[in-house]
Amino acid sequence: MLYQLHEMQHTYFAPIRAAAQTVVNIYGHPFSPLSYSPLSRAIAAGSELILRTTQRYDRPSFNLPTTEFAGKTVSIIEEVVIDQPFCELRHFRKEGVKQDGPIVLIVAPLSGHFATLLRDTVKGFLRHHDVYITDWKDAKTVPLALGEFGFDDYVRYVRKFLEYFKGQAHVVSVCQPTVPVLVAVSLMAAEKSPSVPRSMVMMGGPIDARRNPTSVNVFATEHTLDWFVGHLIYYVPSKYPGYSRRVYPGFLQHTGFVAMNPGRHISSHRDFYYHLIQGDGESVNHHKTFYDEYNAVMDLPAEYYIETISRVFQLQSLPKGELESCGQHVDPSHIKTTALLTVEGELDDISGDGQTEAAHALCTGIPKDRHLHITVPDVGHYGIFSGRRFREIIYPQLAQFIAKYD
């Protein structure tokens, strides 16, 4: 019922948004004579703020038309090489480049935001690598007839994508997918698959959520699974292709994101209003770019969300050696040839200190000289994979590690 009420509220605000857009056009367009009145900027800014806080945000584009490669500017062509019901494997092909760098598969989180949240990560790797990424689909757009999607399905997808590269790839997992990626590679290694990756890079993920629990970990453990199902799982309304699919709605996730730091968002929108009045275009564009990405959220399949809460955060089955996936026992010690690099941010408030590093203690079959851990000072969760410190401090070490084992 909550999902339907949310849709009704959005419909209710439609005429308000239309009126606000009209006001912006009248008082903000440079060709309008009214835009030059003393109060025009304040009126247009207020209406723009209404639009920004009531509109829906669609999946952003990666917007990576070119990259610098081998001292030249080359065009990037996005292409889908594998299309699954819940995910596309997307390739950023360099036009006219016959000999590209090492193959890198970036496994994006299925945790509310679209894979475009890793735009900076992709942009960094494109300079020296042949880049692929898992582009997860919004669950409300997937028809119910295509079946459910749970934790084991995520593992199967990772295996399928790795098998596409026939052992030539390096896999980079960011945040939540570090666990299913480690599970997939463990199962592949146990079967002596020739498609195991050459290296694994795990960044800010909950391999062992028992270590230095954050507020996210505590929230996941202090509620029962019945509580999560009763309060966070709803049916997709009839207007979407995924009608009747059980999901954790994107709008609820967005509410949770904002609730983690409401003061920051209130201040940001207040500053946005004043920057509009002052005509500070650079600050206005920075705000829009950030919130176009931050506010674009998608529904998660209920099965995957609940199973992740249970296996990763409540039971902590992987670090305890008790995890079963795809009908098999998961034992990371079977991994022998894949090099392992873990990355943590000193100020990460989502995956606590040591949670990602725990992968090294599980992967006892990897020779010691093929292990590396990096803790980056003064970096929070998002700074691990985007921003200046990622570009200047983290990425160069990732590139060096991958080159060493390619």
Protein backbone atom coordinates (compact mmCIF):
# COMPACT_ATOMS: atom_id res chain seq x y z
CA MET A 1 0.00 0.00 0.00
CA LEU A 2 2.86 2.39 0.76
CA TYR A 3 4.17 2.07 -2.80
CA GLN A 4 0.75 3.04 -4.18
CA LEU A 5 0.58 6.02 -1.82
CA HIS A 6 4.01 7.14 -3.02
CA GLU A 7 2.82 6.97 -6.63
CA MET A 8 -0.31 8.92 -5.74
CA GLN A 9 1.76 11.61 -4.04
CA HIS A 10 3.95 11.95 -7.12
CA THR A 11 0.85 12.34 -9.28
CA TYR A 12 -0.57 14.92 -6.85
CA PHE A 13 2.55 17.07 -7.22
CA ALA A 14 2.40 17.02 -11.05
CA PRO A 15 0.48 20.32 -11.41
CA ILE A 16 2.72 21.93 -8.80
CA ARG A 17 5.79 20.90 -10.78
CA ALA A 18 4.20 22.19 -13.98
CA ALA A 19 3.48 25.53 -12.35
CA ALA A 20 7.01 25.73 -10.94
CA GLN A 21 8.48 25.00 -14.39
CA THR A 22 6.37 27.79 -15.88
CA VAL A 23 7.61 30.25 -13.24
CA VAL A 24 11.22 29.23 -13.92
CA ASN A 25 10.69 29.86 -17.63
CA ILE A 26 9.08 33.26 -17.04
CA TYR A 27 11.47 34.60 -14.41
CA GLY A 28 14.63 32.71 -15.26
CA HIS A 29 14.90 32.57 -19.05
CA PRO A 30 17.27 35.24 -20.42
CA PHE A 31 14.86 36.03 -23.30
CA SER A 32 12.02 36.84 -20.86
CA PRO A 33 11.74 40.55 -19.97
CA LEU A 34 10.52 39.58 -16.49
CA SER A 35 13.79 37.80 -15.77
CA TYR A 36 15.46 41.19 -15.26
CA SER A 37 13.22 42.44 -12.46
CA PRO A 38 14.85 42.85 -8.99
CA LEU A 39 13.10 39.79 -7.54
CA SER A 40 13.25 37.59 -10.63
CA ARG A 41 16.23 35.50 -9.51
CA ALA A 42 14.71 34.82 -6.08
CA ILE A 43 11.38 33.77 -7.63
CA ALA A 44 13.05 31.56 -10.23
CA ALA A 45 15.39 30.04 -7.62
CA GLY A 46 12.49 29.11 -5.33
CA SER A 47 10.63 27.45 -8.18
CA GLU A 48 13.78 25.61 -9.30
CA LEU A 49 14.18 24.28 -5.76
CA ILE A 50 10.59 22.98 -5.82
CA LEU A 51 11.30 21.20 -9.08
CA ARG A 52 14.52 19.63 -7.83
CA THR A 53 12.94 18.32 -4.61
CA THR A 54 9.74 16.88 -6.14
CA GLN A 55 10.82 15.46 -9.50
CA ARG A 56 11.88 11.91 -10.27
CA TYR A 57 15.41 11.16 -11.35
CA ASP A 58 15.94 8.60 -14.09
CA ARG A 59 19.03 6.46 -14.53
CA PRO A 60 21.87 8.82 -15.48
CA SER A 61 24.16 8.06 -18.40
CA PHE A 62 27.82 7.24 -17.95
CA ASN A 63 28.59 10.18 -20.24
CA LEU A 64 32.10 9.02 -21.10
CA PRO A 65 32.39 9.85 -24.81
CA THR A 66 36.20 9.86 -24.94
CA THR A 67 39.28 8.89 -22.96
CA GLU A 68 43.01 9.41 -23.15
CA PHE A 69 44.75 6.19 -24.21
CA ALA A 70 48.38 5.76 -25.30
CA GLY A 71 48.78 9.51 -25.57
CA LYS A 72 45.75 9.97 -27.83
CA THR A 73 42.11 10.95 -27.38
CA VAL A 74 39.93 8.02 -28.47
CA SER A 75 36.15 7.67 -28.69
CA ILE A 76 34.29 5.34 -26.34
CA ILE A 77 31.47 3.15 -27.62
CA GLU A 78 29.19 1.61 -24.99
CA GLU A 79 27.90 -1.82 -25.92
CA VAL A 80 26.03 -4.56 -24.08
CA VAL A 81 27.83 -7.87 -24.55
CA ILE A 82 25.63 -10.00 -22.26
CA ASP A 83 22.00 -9.17 -21.48
CA GLN A 84 20.45 -10.99 -18.53
CA PRO A 85 16.98 -10.39 -17.01
CA PHE A 86 18.40 -8.40 -14.07
CA CYS A 87 21.72 -7.15 -15.42
CA GLU A 88 23.62 -6.08 -18.51
CA LEU A 89 27.33 -6.63 -18.92
CA ARG A 90 28.38 -3.31 -20.45
CA HIS A 91 31.63 -2.83 -22.37
CA PHE A 92 33.35 0.52 -22.90
CA ARG A 93 35.04 -0.21 -26.21
CA LYS A 94 37.74 2.12 -27.47
CA GLU A 95 37.04 2.86 -31.11
CA GLY A 96 39.92 2.02 -33.41
CA VAL A 97 42.08 0.49 -30.65
CA LYS A 98 43.25 -3.04 -31.51
CA GLN A 99 45.60 -3.64 -28.58
CA ASP A 100 43.88 -2.50 -25.37
CA GLY A 101 45.12 -2.83 -21.79
CA PRO A 102 44.31 -5.57 -19.25
CA ILE A 103 40.65 -6.61 -19.05
CA VAL A 104 38.93 -5.25 -15.94
CA LEU A 105 35.45 -6.37 -14.86
CA ILE A 106 33.98 -3.85 -12.40
CA VAL A 107 31.17 -5.40 -10.35
CA ALA A 108 28.90 -2.56 -9.27
CA PRO A 109 26.77 -2.70 -6.12
CA LEU A 110 23.14 -3.77 -6.32
CA SER A 111 22.25 -1.54 -3.39
CA GLY A 112 19.94 1.23 -4.54
CA HIS A 113 21.95 3.42 -6.88
CA PHE A 114 22.65 2.66 -10.52
CA ALA A 115 26.04 1.48 -11.76
CA THR A 116 26.66 5.05 -13.00
CA LEU A 117 27.60 5.86 -9.40
CA LEU A 118 30.95 4.29 -10.36
CA ARG A 119 31.47 6.68 -13.26
CA ASP A 120 34.72 7.96 -11.73
CA THR A 121 35.93 4.38 -11.27
CA VAL A 122 35.23 3.53 -14.90
CA LYS A 123 36.78 6.79 -16.09
CA GLY A 124 39.97 6.08 -14.15
CA PHE A 125 40.39 2.53 -15.43
CA LEU A 126 39.64 3.47 -19.05
CA ARG A 127 43.00 5.20 -19.39
CA HIS A 128 44.96 1.94 -19.22
CA HIS A 129 42.44 -0.92 -19.27
CA ASP A 130 39.72 -2.64 -21.29
CA VAL A 131 36.73 -1.95 -19.02
CA TYR A 132 33.47 -3.84 -18.47
CA ILE A 133 30.86 -3.19 -15.76
CA THR A 134 27.77 -4.91 -14.38
CA ASP A 135 24.86 -2.55 -15.09
CA TRP A 136 22.04 -3.77 -12.81
CA LYS A 137 18.44 -3.23 -13.89
CA ASP A 138 15.72 -1.59 -11.83
CA ALA A 139 13.66 -4.50 -10.45
CA LYS A 140 10.36 -2.72 -11.13
CA THR A 141 11.15 -2.89 -14.85
CA VAL A 142 11.70 -6.68 -14.85
CA PRO A 143 8.48 -8.66 -15.54
CA LEU A 144 7.51 -11.14 -12.83
CA ALA A 145 7.48 -13.92 -15.44
CA LEU A 146 11.29 -13.72 -15.61
CA GLY A 147 11.53 -15.15 -12.10
CA GLU A 148 13.06 -14.11 -8.81
CA PHE A 149 16.58 -12.89 -8.12
CA GLY A 150 18.37 -13.91 -4.93
CA PHE A 151 21.88 -14.00 -3.51
CA ASP A 152 22.76 -17.19 -5.37
CA ASP A 153 21.53 -15.67 -8.62
CA TYR A 154 23.95 -12.78 -8.10
CA VAL A 155 26.76 -15.33 -7.65
CA ARG A 156 25.70 -17.11 -10.86
CA TYR A 157 25.72 -13.83 -12.79
CA VAL A 158 29.26 -13.06 -11.60
CA ARG A 159 30.38 -16.55 -12.65
CA LYS A 160 28.75 -16.18 -16.07
CA PHE A 161 30.44 -12.83 -16.66
CA LEU A 162 33.85 -14.13 -15.56
CA GLU A 163 33.50 -17.17 -17.80
CA TYR A 164 32.97 -14.79 -20.73
CA PHE A 165 36.61 -13.68 -20.34
CA LYS A 166 38.06 -17.21 -20.15
CA GLY A 167 40.54 -16.43 -17.37
CA GLN A 168 41.86 -13.19 -18.89
CA ALA A 169 40.08 -10.72 -16.57
CA HIS A 170 40.79 -8.89 -13.32
CA VAL A 171 37.68 -8.38 -11.19
CA VAL A 172 37.10 -5.21 -9.17
CA SER A 173 34.22 -5.27 -6.68
CA VAL A 174 33.02 -2.16 -4.87
CA CYS A 175 31.19 -2.34 -1.51
CA GLN A 176 28.38 -4.91 -1.28
CA PRO A 177 29.43 -7.19 -4.19
CA THR A 178 32.74 -8.07 -2.56
CA VAL A 179 30.94 -10.95 -0.84
CA PRO A 180 29.20 -12.57 -3.85
CA VAL A 181 32.35 -12.02 -5.94
CA LEU A 182 34.49 -13.86 -3.37
CA VAL A 183 31.84 -16.60 -3.25
CA ALA A 184 31.77 -16.94 -7.05
CA VAL A 185 35.56 -17.10 -7.38
CA SER A 186 35.75 -19.60 -4.49
CA LEU A 187 33.26 -21.92 -6.19
CA MET A 188 35.04 -21.57 -9.54
CA ALA A 189 38.41 -22.33 -7.94
CA ALA A 190 37.00 -25.40 -6.17
CA GLU A 191 35.88 -26.70 -9.57
CA LYS A 192 39.29 -25.82 -11.08
CA SER A 193 37.59 -23.57 -13.61
CA PRO A 194 39.96 -22.06 -16.20
CA SER A 195 37.97 -18.80 -15.95
CA VAL A 196 39.06 -17.73 -12.47
CA PRO A 197 40.23 -14.09 -12.62
CA ARG A 198 43.90 -13.17 -12.58
CA SER A 199 43.35 -10.84 -9.63
CA MET A 200 40.60 -9.67 -7.28
CA VAL A 201 40.39 -6.08 -6.07
CA MET A 202 37.91 -5.62 -3.21
CA MET A 203 37.02 -2.11 -2.12
CA GLY A 204 35.09 -1.18 1.03
CA GLY A 205 33.02 -4.35 1.36
CA PRO A 206 31.53 -6.31 4.30
CA ILE A 207 33.52 -9.54 4.01
CA ASP A 208 33.40 -9.85 7.81
CA ALA A 209 30.75 -7.50 9.22
CA ARG A 210 31.68 -8.54 12.78
CA ARG A 211 34.77 -6.33 12.69
CA ASN A 212 34.23 -2.76 13.90
CA PRO A 213 30.48 -2.69 13.15
CA THR A 214 29.14 0.57 11.71
CA SER A 215 25.64 1.99 12.16
CA VAL A 216 24.65 0.15 8.97
CA ASN A 217 25.82 -3.16 10.43
CA VAL A 218 24.10 -2.50 13.75
CA PHE A 219 20.81 -1.63 12.03
CA ALA A 220 20.94 -4.89 10.07
CA THR A 221 21.49 -7.00 13.18
CA GLU A 222 19.13 -5.34 15.65
CA HIS A 223 16.02 -6.12 13.57
CA THR A 224 14.62 -9.52 12.63
CA LEU A 225 14.12 -10.64 9.04
CA ASP A 226 10.35 -10.49 9.64
CA TRP A 227 10.77 -6.81 10.54
CA PHE A 228 12.60 -6.11 7.27
CA VAL A 229 9.95 -7.96 5.27
CA GLY A 230 7.09 -6.23 7.07
CA HIS A 231 8.49 -2.70 6.91
CA LEU A 232 10.59 -2.52 3.74
CA ILE A 233 9.22 -5.00 1.20
CA TYR A 234 6.34 -3.98 -1.09
CA TYR A 235 4.71 -5.03 -4.36
CA VAL A 236 5.42 -3.10 -7.57
CA PRO A 237 2.30 -1.19 -8.72
CA SER A 238 0.48 -2.06 -11.96
CA LYS A 239 1.91 0.86 -13.98
CA TYR A 240 5.36 -0.79 -14.17
CA PRO A 241 6.52 -3.85 -16.19
CA GLY A 242 7.47 -5.59 -12.92
CA TYR A 243 3.89 -5.46 -11.60
CA SER A 244 3.42 -7.64 -8.48
CA ARG A 245 7.17 -8.25 -8.02
CA ARG A 246 8.25 -7.99 -4.37
CA VAL A 247 10.90 -5.28 -4.02
CA TYR A 248 12.70 -3.02 -1.61
CA PRO A 249 11.56 0.26 -3.24
CA GLY A 250 14.07 2.86 -4.32
CA PHE A 251 12.17 5.69 -2.66
CA LEU A 252 12.50 3.98 0.73
CA GLN A 253 16.21 3.50 0.19
CA HIS A 254 16.57 7.16 -0.75
CA THR A 255 14.79 8.13 2.47
CA GLY A 256 17.31 6.03 4.38
CA PHE A 257 20.24 7.65 2.56
CA VAL A 258 19.00 11.13 3.44
CA ALA A 259 18.17 10.15 7.04
CA MET A 260 21.80 9.20 7.64
CA ASN A 261 22.79 12.88 7.36
CA PRO A 262 19.75 15.15 6.97
CA GLY A 263 21.55 18.32 8.05
CA ARG A 264 24.02 18.04 5.21
CA HIS A 265 21.26 17.77 2.60
CA ILE A 266 19.26 20.66 4.03
CA SER A 267 22.36 22.87 3.98
CA SER A 268 23.19 21.76 0.44
CA HIS A 269 19.74 22.69 -0.88
CA ARG A 270 19.81 26.01 0.97
CA ASP A 271 23.19 26.80 -0.58
CA PHE A 272 21.81 25.77 -3.98
CA TYR A 273 19.03 28.36 -3.60
CA TYR A 274 21.49 31.14 -2.78
CA HIS A 275 23.87 30.12 -5.56
CA LEU A 276 20.97 30.40 -8.04
CA ILE A 277 20.22 33.92 -6.81
CA GLN A 278 23.90 34.89 -7.00
CA GLY A 279 24.28 33.40 -10.48
CA ASP A 280 27.08 31.09 -9.34
CA GLY A 281 26.79 28.69 -12.26
CA GLU A 282 29.70 26.47 -11.27
CA SER A 283 28.29 25.73 -7.81
CA VAL A 284 24.78 25.24 -9.25
CA ASN A 285 26.05 22.73 -11.83
CA HIS A 286 28.07 20.88 -9.17
CA HIS A 287 24.92 20.55 -7.01
CA LYS A 288 22.84 19.34 -9.95
CA THR A 289 25.45 16.81 -11.05
CA PHE A 290 25.73 15.32 -7.56
CA TYR A 291 22.00 15.12 -6.86
CA ASP A 292 21.09 13.88 -10.34
CA GLU A 293 23.15 10.82 -9.40
CA TYR A 294 22.31 10.67 -5.68
CA ASN A 295 18.54 10.95 -6.22
CA ALA A 296 18.43 8.35 -9.00
CA VAL A 297 17.52 5.14 -7.18
CA MET A 298 16.13 1.79 -8.23
CA ASP A 299 14.09 -0.98 -6.66
CA LEU A 300 15.93 -4.08 -5.42
CA PRO A 301 14.57 -7.63 -5.73
CA ALA A 302 13.19 -8.55 -2.31
CA GLU A 303 14.83 -12.00 -2.32
CA TYR A 304 18.30 -10.60 -2.88
CA TYR A 305 17.94 -7.87 -0.26
CA ILE A 306 16.58 -10.17 2.47
CA GLU A 307 19.09 -12.96 1.76
CA THR A 308 21.97 -10.47 1.87
CA ILE A 309 20.78 -9.11 5.22
CA SER A 310 20.55 -12.65 6.54
CA ARG A 311 23.74 -14.24 5.16
CA VAL A 312 26.14 -11.29 5.20
CA PHE A 313 25.09 -9.17 8.17
CA GLN A 314 23.12 -11.37 10.57
CA LEU A 315 24.54 -14.88 10.21
CA GLN A 316 27.98 -13.73 8.94
CA SER A 317 28.18 -17.13 7.28
CA LEU A 318 31.20 -16.47 5.05
CA PRO A 319 33.81 -15.55 7.70
CA LYS A 320 32.48 -18.33 9.95
CA GLY A 321 33.04 -20.90 7.19
CA GLU A 322 29.35 -21.81 7.15
CA LEU A 323 28.13 -20.31 3.87
CA GLU A 324 26.32 -22.48 1.35
CA SER A 325 25.70 -21.04 -2.11
CA CYS A 326 24.38 -22.58 -5.32
CA GLY A 327 24.14 -25.91 -3.53
CA GLN A 328 27.83 -25.97 -2.55
CA HIS A 329 29.90 -25.17 0.51
CA VAL A 330 31.95 -22.00 0.03
CA ASP A 331 35.63 -22.28 0.95
CA PRO A 332 37.85 -19.36 -0.21
CA SER A 333 40.98 -21.37 0.61
CA HIS A 334 40.44 -23.13 -2.75
CA ILE A 335 41.60 -19.96 -4.51
CA LYS A 336 45.25 -20.53 -5.42
CA THR A 337 46.28 -18.46 -8.44
CA THR A 338 44.24 -15.26 -8.12
CA ALA A 339 46.08 -12.32 -6.54
CA LEU A 340 44.15 -10.37 -3.89
CA LEU A 341 44.11 -6.64 -3.15
CA THR A 342 41.79 -5.09 -0.55
CA VAL A 343 41.17 -1.36 -0.13
CA GLU A 344 39.64 0.41 2.87
CA GLY A 345 39.04 4.05 3.72
CA GLU A 346 40.07 5.27 7.16
CA LEU A 347 36.79 7.20 7.57
CA ASP A 348 34.44 4.64 6.00
CA ASP A 349 31.17 4.73 7.95
CA ILE A 350 29.49 1.96 5.92
CA SER A 351 32.09 -0.85 5.90
CA GLY A 352 34.13 -0.63 9.09
CA ASP A 353 37.87 -0.94 9.55
CA GLY A 354 39.06 -4.47 8.83
CA GLN A 355 35.84 -5.75 7.25
CA THR A 356 37.33 -5.91 3.74
CA GLU A 357 40.82 -6.86 4.89
CA ALA A 358 39.25 -10.00 6.39
CA ALA A 359 39.29 -11.54 2.90
CA HIS A 360 43.02 -12.20 3.29
CA ALA A 361 42.48 -14.43 6.32
CA LEU A 362 39.94 -16.48 4.35
CA CYS A 363 42.02 -16.86 1.18
CA THR A 364 44.75 -18.97 2.75
CA GLY A 365 45.48 -20.78 -0.52
CA ILE A 366 46.85 -17.65 -2.18
CA PRO A 367 50.64 -17.31 -1.72
CA LYS A 368 51.56 -14.56 0.74
CA ASP A 369 53.43 -12.53 -1.85
CA ARG A 370 50.19 -12.21 -3.87
CA HIS A 371 48.32 -10.46 -1.02
CA LEU A 372 48.14 -6.67 -0.63
CA HIS A 373 46.04 -4.43 1.62
CA ILE A 374 45.71 -0.64 1.44
CA THR A 375 44.12 1.64 4.04
CA VAL A 376 43.71 5.15 2.67
CA PRO A 377 43.87 7.93 5.30
CA ASP A 378 41.18 10.62 5.47
CA VAL A 379 38.92 8.84 2.97
CA GLY A 380 35.28 7.88 3.53
CA HIS A 381 33.23 5.23 1.77
CA TYR A 382 32.54 7.08 -1.49
CA GLY A 383 36.07 8.44 -1.63
CA ILE A 384 37.36 4.89 -2.09
CA PHE A 385 36.02 4.75 -5.65
CA SER A 386 35.47 8.37 -6.72
CA GLY A 387 36.91 11.83 -6.32
CA ARG A 388 40.38 13.31 -6.16
CA ARG A 389 41.90 10.82 -3.71
CA PHE A 390 40.70 7.90 -5.81
CA ARG A 391 42.26 9.41 -8.94
CA GLU A 392 45.53 10.50 -7.34
CA ILE A 393 46.17 7.93 -4.57
CA ILE A 394 44.08 4.79 -5.01
CA TYR A 395 43.83 4.23 -8.76
CA PRO A 396 47.61 4.32 -9.44
CA GLN A 397 48.09 1.51 -6.90
CA LEU A 398 45.23 -0.52 -8.41
CA ALA A 399 46.68 -0.11 -11.90
CA GLN A 400 50.13 -1.17 -10.71
CA PHE A 401 48.73 -4.24 -8.94
CA ILE A 402 46.73 -5.33 -11.98
CA ALA A 403 49.69 -4.82 -14.31
CA LYS A 404 51.85 -6.95 -12.05
CA TYR A 405 49.53 -9.96 -12.35
CA ASP A 406 48.28 -9.52 -15.92
